[in-house]
Amino acid sequence: MDIKTASALHRLRLISVPEALSFPALLIFGSVLSRISDIDYLMMPLGILHGILFVIYAVFLLDVWSKAEWPVKKVALFFLLALLPFGGLYGDKLLKREEADSVMAARARREAANAA
């Protein structure tokens, strides 16, 4: 894996957790509190924040798709995880595993090249 692909994966991982937490925050603090109390001033800022984070996540996912050459099924899985509350946390776990595997593969290639 080259440095551009690794950095694209890392960026996707960095945005997946805030995006995963912004959706439940919008549902709980924005929707529920505005219906059961007079606290309705959180809906707009939380909606804007979640929308921005979701768009950034989608752009970073497309970047990873083009650089890592993921199959469509894998990209669809990560997109669906972004639509589920807390789904991005599972996506972060998967991305962390993929990063670790790519680092191990890069080290093995480097050691094989040094041994030759």
C-alpha atoms as a PDB file:
ATOM      1  CA  MET A   1       0.000   0.000   0.000  1.00  0.00           C
ATOM      2  CA  ASP A   2       1.398   3.367  -0.945  1.00  0.00           C
ATOM      3  CA  ILE A   3       1.395   6.456   1.260  1.00  0.00           C
ATOM      4  CA  LYS A   4      -1.545   8.094  -0.556  1.00  0.00           C
ATOM      5  CA  THR A   5      -3.768   5.073   0.010  1.00  0.00           C
ATOM      6  CA  ALA A   6      -2.691   4.787   3.641  1.00  0.00           C
ATOM      7  CA  SER A   7      -3.391   8.464   4.274  1.00  0.00           C
ATOM      8  CA  ALA A   8      -6.806   8.192   2.573  1.00  0.00           C
ATOM      9  CA  LEU A   9      -7.672   5.248   4.844  1.00  0.00           C
ATOM     10  CA  HIS A  10      -6.471   7.176   7.876  1.00  0.00           C
ATOM     11  CA  ARG A  11      -8.574  10.234   6.959  1.00  0.00           C
ATOM     12  CA  LEU A  12     -11.654   8.031   6.564  1.00  0.00           C
ATOM     13  CA  ARG A  13     -10.962   6.494   9.954  1.00  0.00           C
ATOM     14  CA  LEU A  14     -10.578   9.911  11.565  1.00  0.00           C
ATOM     15  CA  ILE A  15     -13.945  11.137  10.295  1.00  0.00           C
ATOM     16  CA  SER A  16     -15.874   7.900  10.891  1.00  0.00           C
ATOM     17  CA  VAL A  17     -16.125   8.267  14.686  1.00  0.00           C
ATOM     18  CA  PRO A  18     -17.349  11.894  14.798  1.00  0.00           C
ATOM     19  CA  GLU A  19     -19.807  11.138  11.991  1.00  0.00           C
ATOM     20  CA  ALA A  20     -21.022   8.037  13.830  1.00  0.00           C
ATOM     21  CA  LEU A  21     -21.618  10.017  17.020  1.00  0.00           C
ATOM     22  CA  SER A  22     -23.196  13.062  15.375  1.00  0.00           C
ATOM     23  CA  PHE A  23     -26.204  11.118  14.062  1.00  0.00           C
ATOM     24  CA  PRO A  24     -27.360   9.743  17.445  1.00  0.00           C
ATOM     25  CA  ALA A  25     -26.670  13.156  18.965  1.00  0.00           C
ATOM     26  CA  LEU A  26     -28.944  14.696  16.351  1.00  0.00           C
ATOM     27  CA  LEU A  27     -31.628  12.076  17.004  1.00  0.00           C
ATOM     28  CA  ILE A  28     -31.466  12.319  20.795  1.00  0.00           C
ATOM     29  CA  PHE A  29     -30.688  15.948  21.509  1.00  0.00           C
ATOM     30  CA  GLY A  30     -32.212  17.457  18.418  1.00  0.00           C
ATOM     31  CA  SER A  31     -35.374  15.499  17.748  1.00  0.00           C
ATOM     32  CA  VAL A  32     -36.351  13.996  21.082  1.00  0.00           C
ATOM     33  CA  LEU A  33     -35.563  16.997  23.267  1.00  0.00           C
ATOM     34  CA  SER A  34     -37.348  19.369  20.909  1.00  0.00           C
ATOM     35  CA  ARG A  35     -40.497  17.251  21.175  1.00  0.00           C
ATOM     36  CA  ILE A  36     -40.561  16.662  24.925  1.00  0.00           C
ATOM     37  CA  SER A  37     -39.287  20.057  26.075  1.00  0.00           C
ATOM     38  CA  ASP A  38     -38.740  23.616  24.962  1.00  0.00           C
ATOM     39  CA  ILE A  39     -35.145  22.895  23.959  1.00  0.00           C
ATOM     40  CA  ASP A  40     -35.367  23.306  20.212  1.00  0.00           C
ATOM     41  CA  TYR A  41     -32.287  25.419  19.617  1.00  0.00           C
ATOM     42  CA  LEU A  42     -30.045  22.321  19.247  1.00  0.00           C
ATOM     43  CA  MET A  43     -31.738  20.957  16.132  1.00  0.00           C
ATOM     44  CA  MET A  44     -30.240  23.388  13.615  1.00  0.00           C
ATOM     45  CA  PRO A  45     -26.574  23.304  14.744  1.00  0.00           C
ATOM     46  CA  LEU A  46     -26.597  19.532  15.220  1.00  0.00           C
ATOM     47  CA  GLY A  47     -28.218  19.027  11.823  1.00  0.00           C
ATOM     48  CA  ILE A  48     -25.661  21.231  10.125  1.00  0.00           C
ATOM     49  CA  LEU A  49     -22.787  19.528  11.939  1.00  0.00           C
ATOM     50  CA  HIS A  50     -24.047  16.048  11.052  1.00  0.00           C
ATOM     51  CA  GLY A  51     -24.623  17.056   7.432  1.00  0.00           C
ATOM     52  CA  ILE A  52     -21.107  18.442   7.074  1.00  0.00           C
ATOM     53  CA  LEU A  53     -19.560  15.368   8.704  1.00  0.00           C
ATOM     54  CA  PHE A  54     -21.608  13.039   6.491  1.00  0.00           C
ATOM     55  CA  VAL A  55     -20.567  14.839   3.302  1.00  0.00           C
ATOM     56  CA  ILE A  56     -16.897  14.762   4.382  1.00  0.00           C
ATOM     57  CA  TYR A  57     -17.255  11.041   5.164  1.00  0.00           C
ATOM     58  CA  ALA A  58     -18.752  10.386   1.721  1.00  0.00           C
ATOM     59  CA  VAL A  59     -15.968  12.341  -0.014  1.00  0.00           C
ATOM     60  CA  PHE A  60     -13.283  10.497   1.968  1.00  0.00           C
ATOM     61  CA  LEU A  61     -14.988   7.174   1.189  1.00  0.00           C
ATOM     62  CA  LEU A  62     -14.900   7.975  -2.528  1.00  0.00           C
ATOM     63  CA  ASP A  63     -11.221   8.921  -2.167  1.00  0.00           C
ATOM     64  CA  VAL A  64     -10.443   5.573  -0.518  1.00  0.00           C
ATOM     65  CA  TRP A  65     -12.461   3.772  -3.181  1.00  0.00           C
ATOM     66  CA  SER A  66     -10.420   5.327  -5.975  1.00  0.00           C
ATOM     67  CA  LYS A  67      -7.025   4.925  -4.272  1.00  0.00           C
ATOM     68  CA  ALA A  68      -7.415   1.533  -2.579  1.00  0.00           C
ATOM     69  CA  GLU A  69      -9.490   0.107  -5.455  1.00  0.00           C
ATOM     70  CA  TRP A  70     -12.027  -1.423  -3.101  1.00  0.00           C
ATOM     71  CA  PRO A  71     -14.813  -3.558  -4.569  1.00  0.00           C
ATOM     72  CA  VAL A  72     -18.252  -1.969  -4.781  1.00  0.00           C
ATOM     73  CA  LYS A  73     -19.597  -4.261  -2.030  1.00  0.00           C
ATOM     74  CA  LYS A  74     -17.042  -2.959   0.452  1.00  0.00           C
ATOM     75  CA  VAL A  75     -17.767   0.672  -0.389  1.00  0.00           C
ATOM     76  CA  ALA A  76     -21.505  -0.005  -0.102  1.00  0.00           C
ATOM     77  CA  LEU A  77     -20.939  -1.592   3.331  1.00  0.00           C
ATOM     78  CA  PHE A  78     -19.083   1.467   4.617  1.00  0.00           C
ATOM     79  CA  PHE A  79     -21.738   3.770   3.156  1.00  0.00           C
ATOM     80  CA  LEU A  80     -24.511   1.781   4.838  1.00  0.00           C
ATOM     81  CA  LEU A  81     -22.598   1.885   8.121  1.00  0.00           C
ATOM     82  CA  ALA A  82     -22.610   5.679   7.860  1.00  0.00           C
ATOM     83  CA  LEU A  83     -26.405   5.621   7.606  1.00  0.00           C
ATOM     84  CA  LEU A  84     -26.833   3.633  10.824  1.00  0.00           C
ATOM     85  CA  PRO A  85     -26.569   5.207  14.262  1.00  0.00           C
ATOM     86  CA  PHE A  86     -23.193   4.188  15.704  1.00  0.00           C
ATOM     87  CA  GLY A  87     -22.445   2.285  12.469  1.00  0.00           C
ATOM     88  CA  GLY A  88     -19.303   4.304  11.904  1.00  0.00           C
ATOM     89  CA  LEU A  89     -17.853   2.903  15.121  1.00  0.00           C
ATOM     90  CA  TYR A  90     -17.947  -0.572  13.591  1.00  0.00           C
ATOM     91  CA  GLY A  91     -16.555   0.910  10.378  1.00  0.00           C
ATOM     92  CA  ASP A  92     -13.695   2.412  12.388  1.00  0.00           C
ATOM     93  CA  LYS A  93     -12.958  -1.026  13.834  1.00  0.00           C
ATOM     94  CA  LEU A  94     -12.851  -2.519  10.332  1.00  0.00           C
ATOM     95  CA  LEU A  95     -10.642   0.308   9.063  1.00  0.00           C
ATOM     96  CA  LYS A  96      -8.283  -0.084  12.009  1.00  0.00           C
ATOM     97  CA  ARG A  97      -7.896  -3.772  11.168  1.00  0.00           C
ATOM     98  CA  GLU A  98      -7.299  -2.954   7.496  1.00  0.00           C
ATOM     99  CA  GLU A  99      -4.644  -0.368   8.415  1.00  0.00           C
ATOM    100  CA  ALA A 100      -2.884  -2.864  10.661  1.00  0.00           C
ATOM    101  CA  ASP A 101      -2.952  -5.522   7.941  1.00  0.00           C
ATOM    102  CA  SER A 102      -1.524  -3.095   5.384  1.00  0.00           C
ATOM    103  CA  VAL A 103       1.270  -2.064   7.758  1.00  0.00           C
ATOM    104  CA  MET A 104       2.140  -5.717   8.366  1.00  0.00           C
ATOM    105  CA  ALA A 105       2.146  -6.411   4.612  1.00  0.00           C
ATOM    106  CA  ALA A 106       4.370  -3.386   3.952  1.00  0.00           C
ATOM    107  CA  ARG A 107       6.828  -4.526   6.633  1.00  0.00           C
ATOM    108  CA  ALA A 108       6.903  -8.039   5.187  1.00  0.00           C
ATOM    109  CA  ARG A 109       7.594  -6.651   1.696  1.00  0.00           C
ATOM    110  CA  ARG A 110      10.351  -4.416   3.064  1.00  0.00           C
ATOM    111  CA  GLU A 111      11.966  -7.295   4.958  1.00  0.00           C
ATOM    112  CA  ALA A 112      11.765  -9.521   1.877  1.00  0.00           C
ATOM    113  CA  ALA A 113      13.385  -6.797  -0.240  1.00  0.00           C
ATOM    114  CA  ASN A 114      16.139  -6.305   2.360  1.00  0.00           C
ATOM    115  CA  ALA A 115      16.803 -10.047   2.550  1.00  0.00           C
ATOM    116  CA  ALA A 116      17.194 -10.335  -1.219  1.00  0.00           C
END
